[in-house]
Amino acid sequence: MRRVAGGFLLAAAAFAQGSFDLSGTVRQTLADWQKNTGIGIETEAESRIRHDVGEAWPRLEELVRLQAPYEASPEPLTRMLVRTYCFDLRDALLRQARPFARARQARTLAFQAPASGLRLRDADVLHFSFLDFLSGFFPRLQPVGYLQVTSKPDRADITIDNQPKGFTNRVFVVSPGSHTVAIESPKIVRRCRRTVQVAPGRQISLHCP
């Protein structure tokens, strides 16, 4: 736990004037994410995520400083990164469940894993750490924007710039500029495909249908 405290103390010292509480921000973000998604995070997994964010602070701070011209506080970026990371963990579980769901529902090819049946475990966090996630933003480090993608029903496939990125409903932290987003599911009558412009520090919301 010394290492956890060290990371959070570095963050606290770096942003003492701005009263940024890294530990509290991560804790509250994880609590909000569980409440909003209905997906639990086991105690050990939650502790490890908080530990990993603290350990990742030197790299996270680089992103925060790039984002400073667009956001007055490190809090929005930190919250969105943690949320996006949790959705990445969730989507990894959904990918594992999909072949079994399709085997059970071969007639419809529908995939609708109940949120209540999912939990993020310590093993999931060990397999894909927050630092692993954060490394995806390097070495081409640049300011970021936010993209929220939703559908009704949810759990539809998302591709961004022709790359599979997970399932609705969720948020992404993305590079600024033009992105082509496609949403597709057997339960959605038509495939949605739109191009959006994302600005640094701003969020774009896309819903289908």
N, C-alpha and C. Protein backbone atom coordinates (compact mmCIF):
# COMPACT_ATOMS: atom_id res chain seq x y z
N MET A 1 0.81 -1.21 0.00
CA MET A 1 0.00 0.00 0.00
C MET A 1 0.85 1.27 0.00
N ARG A 2 2.12 1.15 0.34
CA ARG A 2 2.98 2.33 0.30
C ARG A 2 3.03 2.91 -1.11
N ARG A 3 3.07 2.01 -2.09
CA ARG A 3 3.16 2.47 -3.46
C ARG A 3 1.89 3.21 -3.87
N VAL A 4 0.74 2.73 -3.39
CA VAL A 4 -0.51 3.42 -3.69
C VAL A 4 -0.47 4.82 -3.13
N ALA A 5 -0.12 4.91 -1.85
CA ALA A 5 -0.09 6.20 -1.19
C ALA A 5 0.89 7.13 -1.90
N GLY A 6 2.04 6.57 -2.33
CA GLY A 6 3.04 7.39 -3.01
C GLY A 6 2.50 8.03 -4.26
N GLY A 7 1.80 7.23 -5.08
CA GLY A 7 1.24 7.78 -6.30
C GLY A 7 0.21 8.85 -6.03
N PHE A 8 -0.66 8.62 -5.07
CA PHE A 8 -1.68 9.60 -4.76
C PHE A 8 -1.08 10.85 -4.12
N LEU A 9 -0.01 10.68 -3.32
CA LEU A 9 0.63 11.84 -2.71
C LEU A 9 1.30 12.71 -3.76
N LEU A 10 1.91 12.07 -4.78
CA LEU A 10 2.51 12.83 -5.87
C LEU A 10 1.45 13.67 -6.57
N ALA A 11 0.31 13.05 -6.82
CA ALA A 11 -0.78 13.77 -7.50
C ALA A 11 -1.29 14.90 -6.63
N ALA A 12 -1.44 14.63 -5.35
CA ALA A 12 -1.94 15.65 -4.44
C ALA A 12 -0.99 16.84 -4.39
N ALA A 13 0.32 16.55 -4.36
CA ALA A 13 1.30 17.62 -4.31
C ALA A 13 1.31 18.43 -5.60
N ALA A 14 1.18 17.72 -6.74
CA ALA A 14 1.23 18.40 -8.04
C ALA A 14 0.06 19.35 -8.23
N PHE A 15 -1.10 19.02 -7.64
CA PHE A 15 -2.29 19.82 -7.87
C PHE A 15 -2.89 20.36 -6.57
N ALA A 16 -2.00 20.61 -5.59
CA ALA A 16 -2.47 21.10 -4.30
C ALA A 16 -3.23 22.42 -4.46
N GLN A 17 -2.75 23.30 -5.35
CA GLN A 17 -3.40 24.59 -5.52
C GLN A 17 -4.78 24.44 -6.14
N GLY A 18 -4.96 23.41 -6.93
CA GLY A 18 -6.26 23.20 -7.56
C GLY A 18 -7.17 22.30 -6.75
N SER A 19 -6.71 21.85 -5.59
CA SER A 19 -7.49 21.00 -4.69
C SER A 19 -7.97 19.73 -5.40
N PHE A 20 -7.11 19.15 -6.22
CA PHE A 20 -7.48 17.90 -6.91
C PHE A 20 -7.16 16.71 -6.03
N ASP A 21 -8.18 15.90 -5.78
CA ASP A 21 -8.05 14.72 -4.94
C ASP A 21 -8.10 13.49 -5.83
N LEU A 22 -6.94 12.96 -6.21
CA LEU A 22 -6.89 11.81 -7.12
C LEU A 22 -7.56 10.59 -6.50
N SER A 23 -7.21 10.28 -5.26
CA SER A 23 -7.77 9.11 -4.59
C SER A 23 -9.29 9.19 -4.51
N GLY A 24 -9.80 10.35 -4.07
CA GLY A 24 -11.24 10.51 -3.96
C GLY A 24 -11.94 10.49 -5.30
N THR A 25 -11.29 11.05 -6.32
CA THR A 25 -11.87 11.06 -7.66
C THR A 25 -12.01 9.65 -8.21
N VAL A 26 -10.97 8.84 -8.04
CA VAL A 26 -11.02 7.46 -8.52
C VAL A 26 -12.07 6.66 -7.76
N ARG A 27 -12.08 6.82 -6.45
CA ARG A 27 -13.05 6.09 -5.62
C ARG A 27 -14.48 6.42 -6.03
N GLN A 28 -14.78 7.72 -6.21
CA GLN A 28 -16.13 8.13 -6.56
C GLN A 28 -16.49 7.70 -7.97
N THR A 29 -15.53 7.76 -8.89
CA THR A 29 -15.78 7.34 -10.27
C THR A 29 -16.15 5.86 -10.33
N LEU A 30 -15.43 5.03 -9.58
CA LEU A 30 -15.73 3.60 -9.56
C LEU A 30 -17.11 3.34 -8.96
N ALA A 31 -17.45 4.08 -7.91
CA ALA A 31 -18.77 3.92 -7.29
C ALA A 31 -19.87 4.33 -8.27
N ASP A 32 -19.67 5.45 -8.95
CA ASP A 32 -20.68 5.92 -9.92
C ASP A 32 -20.82 4.96 -11.09
N TRP A 33 -19.69 4.43 -11.54
CA TRP A 33 -19.73 3.51 -12.69
C TRP A 33 -20.53 2.26 -12.34
N GLN A 34 -20.33 1.73 -11.16
CA GLN A 34 -21.07 0.54 -10.74
C GLN A 34 -22.57 0.84 -10.63
N LYS A 35 -22.89 1.99 -10.09
CA LYS A 35 -24.30 2.37 -9.93
C LYS A 35 -24.97 2.57 -11.29
N ASN A 36 -24.28 3.21 -12.21
CA ASN A 36 -24.87 3.54 -13.50
C ASN A 36 -24.97 2.33 -14.44
N THR A 37 -24.05 1.39 -14.32
CA THR A 37 -24.04 0.23 -15.22
C THR A 37 -24.71 -1.00 -14.63
N GLY A 38 -24.82 -1.05 -13.30
CA GLY A 38 -25.35 -2.24 -12.65
C GLY A 38 -24.34 -3.38 -12.59
N ILE A 39 -23.09 -3.07 -12.90
CA ILE A 39 -22.02 -4.08 -12.89
C ILE A 39 -21.15 -3.86 -11.66
N GLY A 40 -20.96 -4.91 -10.89
CA GLY A 40 -20.17 -4.79 -9.68
C GLY A 40 -18.67 -4.90 -9.94
N ILE A 41 -17.90 -4.35 -9.02
CA ILE A 41 -16.45 -4.49 -9.03
C ILE A 41 -16.05 -5.10 -7.70
N GLU A 42 -15.44 -6.28 -7.74
CA GLU A 42 -15.04 -6.93 -6.49
C GLU A 42 -14.06 -6.05 -5.72
N THR A 43 -14.07 -6.21 -4.40
CA THR A 43 -13.27 -5.35 -3.54
C THR A 43 -11.79 -5.37 -3.92
N GLU A 44 -11.25 -6.55 -4.15
CA GLU A 44 -9.83 -6.65 -4.51
C GLU A 44 -9.56 -5.98 -5.85
N ALA A 45 -10.49 -6.12 -6.79
CA ALA A 45 -10.32 -5.49 -8.10
C ALA A 45 -10.36 -3.97 -7.97
N GLU A 46 -11.27 -3.47 -7.15
CA GLU A 46 -11.36 -2.02 -6.96
C GLU A 46 -10.08 -1.48 -6.32
N SER A 47 -9.58 -2.20 -5.33
CA SER A 47 -8.33 -1.77 -4.68
C SER A 47 -7.17 -1.76 -5.67
N ARG A 48 -7.16 -2.75 -6.54
CA ARG A 48 -6.06 -2.83 -7.51
C ARG A 48 -6.16 -1.71 -8.54
N ILE A 49 -7.37 -1.38 -8.96
CA ILE A 49 -7.53 -0.26 -9.90
C ILE A 49 -7.04 1.03 -9.27
N ARG A 50 -7.42 1.27 -8.02
CA ARG A 50 -6.98 2.48 -7.34
C ARG A 50 -5.46 2.49 -7.20
N HIS A 51 -4.89 1.35 -6.89
CA HIS A 51 -3.43 1.22 -6.80
C HIS A 51 -2.78 1.53 -8.14
N ASP A 52 -3.33 0.95 -9.22
CA ASP A 52 -2.74 1.11 -10.54
C ASP A 52 -2.82 2.56 -11.03
N VAL A 53 -3.93 3.24 -10.72
CA VAL A 53 -4.04 4.64 -11.12
C VAL A 53 -2.99 5.48 -10.39
N GLY A 54 -2.80 5.19 -9.11
CA GLY A 54 -1.76 5.89 -8.36
C GLY A 54 -0.38 5.64 -8.93
N GLU A 55 -0.10 4.39 -9.29
CA GLU A 55 1.19 4.03 -9.88
C GLU A 55 1.38 4.67 -11.25
N ALA A 56 0.28 4.84 -11.97
CA ALA A 56 0.36 5.38 -13.32
C ALA A 56 0.42 6.91 -13.34
N TRP A 57 0.40 7.53 -12.18
CA TRP A 57 0.30 8.99 -12.15
C TRP A 57 1.38 9.70 -12.97
N PRO A 58 2.66 9.31 -12.94
CA PRO A 58 3.65 10.04 -13.74
C PRO A 58 3.28 10.11 -15.23
N ARG A 59 2.70 9.04 -15.77
CA ARG A 59 2.27 9.06 -17.17
C ARG A 59 0.93 9.78 -17.32
N LEU A 60 0.05 9.55 -16.39
CA LEU A 60 -1.24 10.23 -16.42
C LEU A 60 -1.05 11.74 -16.35
N GLU A 61 -0.08 12.17 -15.56
CA GLU A 61 0.18 13.60 -15.41
C GLU A 61 0.57 14.24 -16.75
N GLU A 62 1.25 13.49 -17.61
CA GLU A 62 1.60 14.03 -18.92
C GLU A 62 0.35 14.36 -19.73
N LEU A 63 -0.62 13.45 -19.68
CA LEU A 63 -1.89 13.71 -20.37
C LEU A 63 -2.62 14.89 -19.75
N VAL A 64 -2.61 14.94 -18.42
CA VAL A 64 -3.29 16.02 -17.72
C VAL A 64 -2.73 17.38 -18.12
N ARG A 65 -1.42 17.47 -18.23
CA ARG A 65 -0.80 18.75 -18.59
C ARG A 65 -1.13 19.14 -20.03
N LEU A 66 -1.20 18.17 -20.93
CA LEU A 66 -1.61 18.47 -22.30
C LEU A 66 -3.07 18.95 -22.36
N GLN A 67 -3.87 18.43 -21.45
CA GLN A 67 -5.30 18.74 -21.44
C GLN A 67 -5.59 20.07 -20.74
N ALA A 68 -4.60 20.60 -20.02
CA ALA A 68 -4.81 21.79 -19.20
C ALA A 68 -5.39 22.99 -19.96
N PRO A 69 -5.00 23.25 -21.22
CA PRO A 69 -5.61 24.40 -21.92
C PRO A 69 -7.10 24.25 -22.18
N TYR A 70 -7.62 23.02 -22.07
CA TYR A 70 -9.02 22.76 -22.41
C TYR A 70 -9.88 22.44 -21.19
N GLU A 71 -9.27 22.04 -20.10
CA GLU A 71 -10.02 21.71 -18.88
C GLU A 71 -9.27 22.28 -17.68
N ALA A 72 -10.00 22.98 -16.84
CA ALA A 72 -9.36 23.70 -15.74
C ALA A 72 -8.84 22.78 -14.65
N SER A 73 -9.39 21.58 -14.57
CA SER A 73 -9.02 20.64 -13.52
C SER A 73 -8.67 19.29 -14.13
N PRO A 74 -7.80 18.51 -13.47
CA PRO A 74 -7.52 17.15 -13.94
C PRO A 74 -8.68 16.19 -13.74
N GLU A 75 -9.70 16.60 -13.00
CA GLU A 75 -10.77 15.67 -12.62
C GLU A 75 -11.55 15.12 -13.81
N PRO A 76 -12.02 15.95 -14.78
CA PRO A 76 -12.80 15.37 -15.89
C PRO A 76 -12.02 14.31 -16.67
N LEU A 77 -10.77 14.59 -16.99
CA LEU A 77 -9.96 13.62 -17.73
C LEU A 77 -9.76 12.35 -16.93
N THR A 78 -9.44 12.48 -15.65
CA THR A 78 -9.20 11.31 -14.81
C THR A 78 -10.46 10.45 -14.73
N ARG A 79 -11.61 11.09 -14.53
CA ARG A 79 -12.86 10.35 -14.44
C ARG A 79 -13.17 9.63 -15.76
N MET A 80 -12.96 10.30 -16.88
CA MET A 80 -13.28 9.68 -18.16
C MET A 80 -12.32 8.54 -18.48
N LEU A 81 -11.06 8.69 -18.11
CA LEU A 81 -10.11 7.60 -18.34
C LEU A 81 -10.48 6.37 -17.51
N VAL A 82 -10.83 6.57 -16.25
CA VAL A 82 -11.19 5.45 -15.39
C VAL A 82 -12.47 4.79 -15.88
N ARG A 83 -13.45 5.59 -16.29
CA ARG A 83 -14.69 5.04 -16.82
C ARG A 83 -14.44 4.23 -18.08
N THR A 84 -13.64 4.79 -18.99
CA THR A 84 -13.34 4.10 -20.24
C THR A 84 -12.60 2.79 -19.97
N TYR A 85 -11.68 2.82 -19.03
CA TYR A 85 -10.95 1.60 -18.66
C TYR A 85 -11.91 0.54 -18.14
N CYS A 86 -12.85 0.93 -17.28
CA CYS A 86 -13.81 -0.04 -16.74
C CYS A 86 -14.68 -0.62 -17.86
N PHE A 87 -15.07 0.22 -18.81
CA PHE A 87 -15.84 -0.30 -19.95
C PHE A 87 -15.01 -1.26 -20.79
N ASP A 88 -13.72 -1.00 -20.93
CA ASP A 88 -12.87 -1.94 -21.65
C ASP A 88 -12.82 -3.29 -20.95
N LEU A 89 -12.75 -3.28 -19.62
CA LEU A 89 -12.78 -4.53 -18.85
C LEU A 89 -14.11 -5.23 -19.04
N ARG A 90 -15.19 -4.47 -18.98
CA ARG A 90 -16.52 -5.05 -19.19
C ARG A 90 -16.64 -5.68 -20.56
N ASP A 91 -16.17 -4.97 -21.59
CA ASP A 91 -16.31 -5.48 -22.95
C ASP A 91 -15.50 -6.74 -23.17
N ALA A 92 -14.37 -6.87 -22.47
CA ALA A 92 -13.59 -8.10 -22.56
C ALA A 92 -14.41 -9.28 -22.04
N LEU A 93 -15.18 -9.06 -20.97
CA LEU A 93 -16.04 -10.11 -20.44
C LEU A 93 -17.19 -10.42 -21.40
N LEU A 94 -17.74 -9.39 -22.02
CA LEU A 94 -18.83 -9.61 -22.97
C LEU A 94 -18.36 -10.38 -24.20
N ARG A 95 -17.15 -10.12 -24.63
CA ARG A 95 -16.62 -10.88 -25.77
C ARG A 95 -16.49 -12.36 -25.43
N GLN A 96 -16.08 -12.64 -24.19
CA GLN A 96 -15.96 -14.03 -23.76
C GLN A 96 -17.32 -14.71 -23.70
N ALA A 97 -18.34 -13.95 -23.30
CA ALA A 97 -19.67 -14.52 -23.13
C ALA A 97 -20.41 -14.68 -24.45
N ARG A 98 -20.05 -13.90 -25.45
CA ARG A 98 -20.83 -13.87 -26.70
C ARG A 98 -20.96 -15.23 -27.39
N PRO A 99 -19.90 -16.02 -27.57
CA PRO A 99 -20.09 -17.31 -28.26
C PRO A 99 -21.08 -18.22 -27.56
N PHE A 100 -21.08 -18.19 -26.21
CA PHE A 100 -22.01 -19.04 -25.45
C PHE A 100 -23.43 -18.54 -25.59
N ALA A 101 -23.59 -17.23 -25.58
CA ALA A 101 -24.93 -16.67 -25.73
C ALA A 101 -25.49 -16.98 -27.12
N ARG A 102 -24.64 -16.90 -28.13
CA ARG A 102 -25.11 -17.19 -29.49
C ARG A 102 -25.44 -18.67 -29.65
N ALA A 103 -24.71 -19.53 -28.97
CA ALA A 103 -25.00 -20.95 -29.06
C ALA A 103 -26.37 -21.26 -28.46
N ARG A 104 -26.70 -20.53 -27.37
CA ARG A 104 -27.98 -20.76 -26.71
C ARG A 104 -29.14 -20.14 -27.49
N GLN A 105 -28.83 -19.07 -28.26
CA GLN A 105 -29.88 -18.35 -28.95
C GLN A 105 -29.59 -18.33 -30.45
N ALA A 106 -29.32 -19.49 -31.00
CA ALA A 106 -28.86 -19.58 -32.39
C ALA A 106 -29.90 -19.05 -33.37
N ARG A 107 -31.16 -19.14 -33.03
CA ARG A 107 -32.18 -18.74 -33.98
C ARG A 107 -32.17 -17.23 -34.23
N THR A 108 -31.90 -16.45 -33.19
CA THR A 108 -31.96 -15.00 -33.32
C THR A 108 -30.60 -14.37 -33.48
N LEU A 109 -29.55 -15.11 -33.14
CA LEU A 109 -28.19 -14.56 -33.12
C LEU A 109 -28.09 -13.33 -32.24
N ALA A 110 -29.01 -13.24 -31.28
CA ALA A 110 -29.01 -12.06 -30.41
C ALA A 110 -28.06 -12.28 -29.25
N PHE A 111 -27.47 -11.20 -28.82
CA PHE A 111 -26.56 -11.27 -27.67
C PHE A 111 -27.00 -10.24 -26.66
N GLN A 112 -27.42 -10.70 -25.50
CA GLN A 112 -27.90 -9.78 -24.49
C GLN A 112 -27.53 -10.32 -23.12
N ALA A 113 -26.25 -10.27 -22.78
CA ALA A 113 -25.81 -10.74 -21.46
C ALA A 113 -26.33 -9.79 -20.39
N PRO A 114 -27.00 -10.30 -19.36
CA PRO A 114 -27.55 -9.42 -18.34
C PRO A 114 -26.45 -8.73 -17.56
N ALA A 115 -26.61 -7.42 -17.33
CA ALA A 115 -25.61 -6.67 -16.58
C ALA A 115 -25.42 -7.25 -15.19
N SER A 116 -26.51 -7.75 -14.59
CA SER A 116 -26.44 -8.27 -13.23
C SER A 116 -25.55 -9.50 -13.13
N GLY A 117 -25.29 -10.16 -14.25
CA GLY A 117 -24.46 -11.35 -14.21
C GLY A 117 -22.98 -11.07 -14.38
N LEU A 118 -22.62 -9.80 -14.54
CA LEU A 118 -21.23 -9.43 -14.76
C LEU A 118 -20.63 -8.81 -13.51
N ARG A 119 -19.37 -9.17 -13.25
CA ARG A 119 -18.60 -8.52 -12.19
C ARG A 119 -17.15 -8.43 -12.64
N LEU A 120 -16.54 -7.28 -12.37
CA LEU A 120 -15.12 -7.14 -12.65
C LEU A 120 -14.33 -7.75 -11.50
N ARG A 121 -13.43 -8.67 -11.83
CA ARG A 121 -12.67 -9.40 -10.81
C ARG A 121 -11.22 -8.96 -10.80
N ASP A 122 -10.55 -9.33 -9.74
CA ASP A 122 -9.14 -8.99 -9.62
C ASP A 122 -8.35 -9.58 -10.78
N ALA A 123 -8.70 -10.79 -11.21
CA ALA A 123 -8.00 -11.43 -12.33
C ALA A 123 -8.16 -10.62 -13.61
N ASP A 124 -9.31 -9.97 -13.79
CA ASP A 124 -9.52 -9.15 -14.99
C ASP A 124 -8.58 -7.95 -14.99
N VAL A 125 -8.42 -7.35 -13.81
CA VAL A 125 -7.55 -6.18 -13.69
C VAL A 125 -6.09 -6.58 -13.84
N LEU A 126 -5.74 -7.73 -13.31
CA LEU A 126 -4.37 -8.22 -13.47
C LEU A 126 -4.05 -8.50 -14.94
N HIS A 127 -5.02 -9.01 -15.66
CA HIS A 127 -4.81 -9.36 -17.07
C HIS A 127 -4.64 -8.10 -17.93
N PHE A 128 -5.36 -7.04 -17.58
CA PHE A 128 -5.29 -5.79 -18.34
C PHE A 128 -5.32 -4.64 -17.34
N SER A 129 -4.15 -4.14 -16.98
CA SER A 129 -4.05 -3.12 -15.94
C SER A 129 -4.36 -1.73 -16.49
N PHE A 130 -4.54 -0.80 -15.57
CA PHE A 130 -4.77 0.58 -15.98
C PHE A 130 -3.56 1.13 -16.73
N LEU A 131 -2.37 0.72 -16.34
CA LEU A 131 -1.18 1.18 -17.04
C LEU A 131 -1.13 0.61 -18.46
N ASP A 132 -1.57 -0.65 -18.64
CA ASP A 132 -1.69 -1.21 -19.98
C ASP A 132 -2.64 -0.35 -20.83
N PHE A 133 -3.76 -0.01 -20.24
CA PHE A 133 -4.75 0.83 -20.92
C PHE A 133 -4.16 2.18 -21.28
N LEU A 134 -3.47 2.80 -20.32
CA LEU A 134 -2.94 4.14 -20.53
C LEU A 134 -1.84 4.15 -21.60
N SER A 135 -1.13 3.05 -21.74
CA SER A 135 -0.04 2.99 -22.72
C SER A 135 -0.56 3.13 -24.15
N GLY A 136 -1.87 2.88 -24.35
CA GLY A 136 -2.45 3.05 -25.67
C GLY A 136 -2.45 4.49 -26.16
N PHE A 137 -2.26 5.44 -25.24
CA PHE A 137 -2.24 6.85 -25.61
C PHE A 137 -0.82 7.33 -25.93
N PHE A 138 0.14 6.46 -25.73
CA PHE A 138 1.55 6.79 -26.00
C PHE A 138 2.01 5.95 -27.20
N PRO A 139 3.07 6.32 -27.93
CA PRO A 139 3.89 7.53 -27.74
C PRO A 139 3.32 8.76 -28.43
N ARG A 140 2.22 8.60 -29.22
CA ARG A 140 1.64 9.76 -29.91
C ARG A 140 0.73 10.51 -28.96
N LEU A 141 1.33 11.14 -27.97
CA LEU A 141 0.57 11.81 -26.93
C LEU A 141 -0.01 13.11 -27.45
N GLN A 142 -1.30 13.34 -27.20
CA GLN A 142 -1.97 14.55 -27.65
C GLN A 142 -3.20 14.78 -26.79
N PRO A 143 -3.76 15.99 -26.80
CA PRO A 143 -5.01 16.23 -26.06
C PRO A 143 -6.10 15.27 -26.54
N VAL A 144 -7.11 15.09 -25.72
CA VAL A 144 -8.16 14.12 -26.05
C VAL A 144 -9.54 14.75 -25.90
N GLY A 145 -10.50 14.10 -26.54
CA GLY A 145 -11.90 14.43 -26.38
C GLY A 145 -12.65 13.18 -25.97
N TYR A 146 -13.96 13.30 -25.82
CA TYR A 146 -14.75 12.21 -25.28
C TYR A 146 -15.93 11.88 -26.21
N LEU A 147 -16.20 10.61 -26.32
CA LEU A 147 -17.25 10.13 -27.22
C LEU A 147 -18.15 9.16 -26.46
N GLN A 148 -19.43 9.50 -26.38
CA GLN A 148 -20.41 8.62 -25.75
C GLN A 148 -21.26 7.98 -26.84
N VAL A 149 -21.34 6.64 -26.81
CA VAL A 149 -22.07 5.90 -27.85
C VAL A 149 -23.13 5.05 -27.17
N THR A 150 -24.39 5.26 -27.56
CA THR A 150 -25.49 4.53 -26.96
C THR A 150 -26.42 3.98 -28.04
N SER A 151 -27.20 2.98 -27.67
CA SER A 151 -28.20 2.42 -28.58
C SER A 151 -29.34 1.84 -27.76
N LYS A 152 -30.44 1.60 -28.44
CA LYS A 152 -31.58 0.94 -27.81
C LYS A 152 -32.09 -0.13 -28.75
N PRO A 153 -31.95 -1.43 -28.38
CA PRO A 153 -31.36 -1.92 -27.13
C PRO A 153 -29.84 -1.73 -27.11
N ASP A 154 -29.27 -1.92 -25.93
CA ASP A 154 -27.83 -1.74 -25.80
C ASP A 154 -27.10 -3.03 -26.15
N ARG A 155 -25.80 -3.05 -25.89
CA ARG A 155 -24.89 -4.17 -26.21
C ARG A 155 -24.72 -4.38 -27.71
N ALA A 156 -24.91 -3.31 -28.49
CA ALA A 156 -24.64 -3.37 -29.92
C ALA A 156 -23.14 -3.22 -30.17
N ASP A 157 -22.68 -3.75 -31.29
CA ASP A 157 -21.27 -3.64 -31.66
C ASP A 157 -20.93 -2.21 -32.06
N ILE A 158 -19.77 -1.76 -31.61
CA ILE A 158 -19.28 -0.43 -31.98
C ILE A 158 -17.97 -0.58 -32.75
N THR A 159 -17.88 0.10 -33.88
CA THR A 159 -16.59 0.25 -34.55
C THR A 159 -16.30 1.74 -34.68
N ILE A 160 -15.06 2.11 -34.45
CA ILE A 160 -14.61 3.49 -34.62
C ILE A 160 -13.47 3.47 -35.63
N ASP A 161 -13.66 4.18 -36.71
CA ASP A 161 -12.67 4.22 -37.79
C ASP A 161 -12.32 2.80 -38.25
N ASN A 162 -13.39 1.99 -38.40
CA ASN A 162 -13.29 0.61 -38.91
C ASN A 162 -12.58 -0.35 -37.97
N GLN A 163 -12.43 0.02 -36.71
CA GLN A 163 -11.81 -0.86 -35.72
C GLN A 163 -12.84 -1.24 -34.66
N PRO A 164 -13.04 -2.55 -34.37
CA PRO A 164 -13.97 -2.94 -33.30
C PRO A 164 -13.55 -2.34 -31.96
N LYS A 165 -14.50 -1.73 -31.27
CA LYS A 165 -14.15 -1.03 -30.03
C LYS A 165 -14.99 -1.42 -28.83
N GLY A 166 -15.89 -2.38 -28.98
CA GLY A 166 -16.68 -2.78 -27.82
C GLY A 166 -18.16 -2.71 -28.09
N PHE A 167 -18.92 -2.47 -27.03
CA PHE A 167 -20.37 -2.55 -27.11
C PHE A 167 -21.02 -1.36 -26.43
N THR A 168 -22.17 -0.95 -26.97
CA THR A 168 -22.96 0.09 -26.31
C THR A 168 -23.53 -0.44 -25.00
N ASN A 169 -23.85 0.39 -24.07
CA ASN A 169 -23.67 1.83 -24.01
C ASN A 169 -22.37 2.11 -23.27
N ARG A 170 -21.57 3.08 -23.75
CA ARG A 170 -20.30 3.35 -23.10
C ARG A 170 -19.69 4.65 -23.60
N VAL A 171 -18.58 5.02 -22.97
CA VAL A 171 -17.83 6.21 -23.37
C VAL A 171 -16.44 5.80 -23.83
N PHE A 172 -15.84 6.68 -24.61
CA PHE A 172 -14.47 6.50 -25.08
C PHE A 172 -13.69 7.79 -24.88
N VAL A 173 -12.40 7.66 -24.65
CA VAL A 173 -11.48 8.78 -24.72
C VAL A 173 -10.76 8.66 -26.05
N VAL A 174 -10.89 9.69 -26.91
CA VAL A 174 -10.40 9.58 -28.28
C VAL A 174 -9.56 10.80 -28.65
N SER A 175 -8.80 10.67 -29.71
CA SER A 175 -8.01 11.79 -30.22
C SER A 175 -8.95 12.81 -30.86
N PRO A 176 -8.55 14.07 -30.87
CA PRO A 176 -9.39 15.09 -31.51
C PRO A 176 -9.45 14.85 -33.02
N GLY A 177 -10.51 15.38 -33.63
CA GLY A 177 -10.63 15.28 -35.07
C GLY A 177 -11.83 14.46 -35.50
N SER A 178 -11.78 14.00 -36.73
CA SER A 178 -12.90 13.29 -37.34
C SER A 178 -12.83 11.79 -37.03
N HIS A 179 -13.96 11.22 -36.62
CA HIS A 179 -14.05 9.79 -36.36
C HIS A 179 -15.35 9.25 -36.96
N THR A 180 -15.25 8.13 -37.63
CA THR A 180 -16.43 7.47 -38.18
C THR A 180 -16.85 6.35 -37.25
N VAL A 181 -18.07 6.45 -36.75
CA VAL A 181 -18.59 5.51 -35.76
C VAL A 181 -19.72 4.70 -36.37
N ALA A 182 -19.66 3.38 -36.22
CA ALA A 182 -20.72 2.50 -36.71
C ALA A 182 -21.27 1.68 -35.54
N ILE A 183 -22.58 1.53 -35.50
CA ILE A 183 -23.26 0.77 -34.45
C ILE A 183 -24.14 -0.26 -35.15
N GLU A 184 -24.00 -1.52 -34.75
CA GLU A 184 -24.72 -2.58 -35.45
C GLU A 184 -25.10 -3.69 -34.49
N SER A 185 -26.30 -4.21 -34.65
CA SER A 185 -26.79 -5.31 -33.81
C SER A 185 -27.96 -5.98 -34.52
N PRO A 186 -28.13 -7.29 -34.32
CA PRO A 186 -29.31 -7.96 -34.91
C PRO A 186 -30.63 -7.39 -34.41
N LYS A 187 -30.60 -6.74 -33.24
CA LYS A 187 -31.83 -6.20 -32.67
C LYS A 187 -32.09 -4.76 -33.10
N ILE A 188 -31.14 -4.16 -33.81
CA ILE A 188 -31.34 -2.81 -34.32
C ILE A 188 -31.71 -2.93 -35.80
N VAL A 189 -32.82 -2.29 -36.18
CA VAL A 189 -33.37 -2.46 -37.52
C VAL A 189 -32.37 -2.05 -38.60
N ARG A 190 -31.73 -0.92 -38.39
CA ARG A 190 -30.78 -0.47 -39.40
C ARG A 190 -29.43 -0.17 -38.75
N ARG A 191 -28.40 -0.33 -39.54
CA ARG A 191 -27.05 -0.04 -39.08
C ARG A 191 -26.83 1.47 -39.07
N CYS A 192 -26.31 1.97 -37.97
CA CYS A 192 -26.02 3.40 -37.86
C CYS A 192 -24.55 3.65 -38.18
N ARG A 193 -24.29 4.62 -39.01
CA ARG A 193 -22.92 4.99 -39.35
C ARG A 193 -22.85 6.50 -39.50
N ARG A 194 -22.05 7.13 -38.66
CA ARG A 194 -21.96 8.59 -38.69
C ARG A 194 -20.52 9.03 -38.47
N THR A 195 -20.21 10.17 -39.04
CA THR A 195 -18.90 10.78 -38.83
C THR A 195 -19.07 11.98 -37.90
N VAL A 196 -18.27 12.02 -36.86
CA VAL A 196 -18.37 13.09 -35.86
C VAL A 196 -17.04 13.80 -35.74
N GLN A 197 -17.10 15.05 -35.30
CA GLN A 197 -15.92 15.85 -35.04
C GLN A 197 -15.77 16.02 -33.53
N VAL A 198 -14.65 15.55 -33.01
CA VAL A 198 -14.40 15.60 -31.56
C VAL A 198 -13.35 16.67 -31.28
N ALA A 199 -13.68 17.57 -30.37
CA ALA A 199 -12.75 18.64 -29.99
C ALA A 199 -12.11 18.31 -28.65
N PRO A 200 -10.90 18.78 -28.40
CA PRO A 200 -10.23 18.51 -27.12
C PRO A 200 -11.07 18.99 -25.94
N GLY A 201 -11.22 18.12 -24.95
CA GLY A 201 -11.94 18.49 -23.74
C GLY A 201 -13.45 18.52 -23.88
N ARG A 202 -13.98 18.18 -25.06
CA ARG A 202 -15.43 18.20 -25.28
C ARG A 202 -15.96 16.79 -25.49
N GLN A 203 -17.25 16.60 -25.16
CA GLN A 203 -17.87 15.30 -25.35
C GLN A 203 -18.91 15.36 -26.46
N ILE A 204 -18.86 14.36 -27.34
CA ILE A 204 -19.87 14.17 -28.38
C ILE A 204 -20.68 12.93 -28.03
N SER A 205 -22.00 13.03 -28.15
CA SER A 205 -22.87 11.90 -27.86
C SER A 205 -23.51 11.42 -29.16
N LEU A 206 -23.52 10.12 -29.35
CA LEU A 206 -24.08 9.50 -30.55
C LEU A 206 -25.02 8.38 -30.12
N HIS A 207 -26.27 8.46 -30.59
CA HIS A 207 -27.27 7.45 -30.23
C HIS A 207 -27.84 6.80 -31.48
N CYS A 208 -28.10 5.50 -31.41
CA CYS A 208 -28.72 4.76 -32.51
C CYS A 208 -29.84 3.91 -31.94
N PRO A 209 -31.01 3.87 -32.56
CA PRO A 209 -31.33 4.55 -33.81
C PRO A 209 -31.72 6.00 -33.57
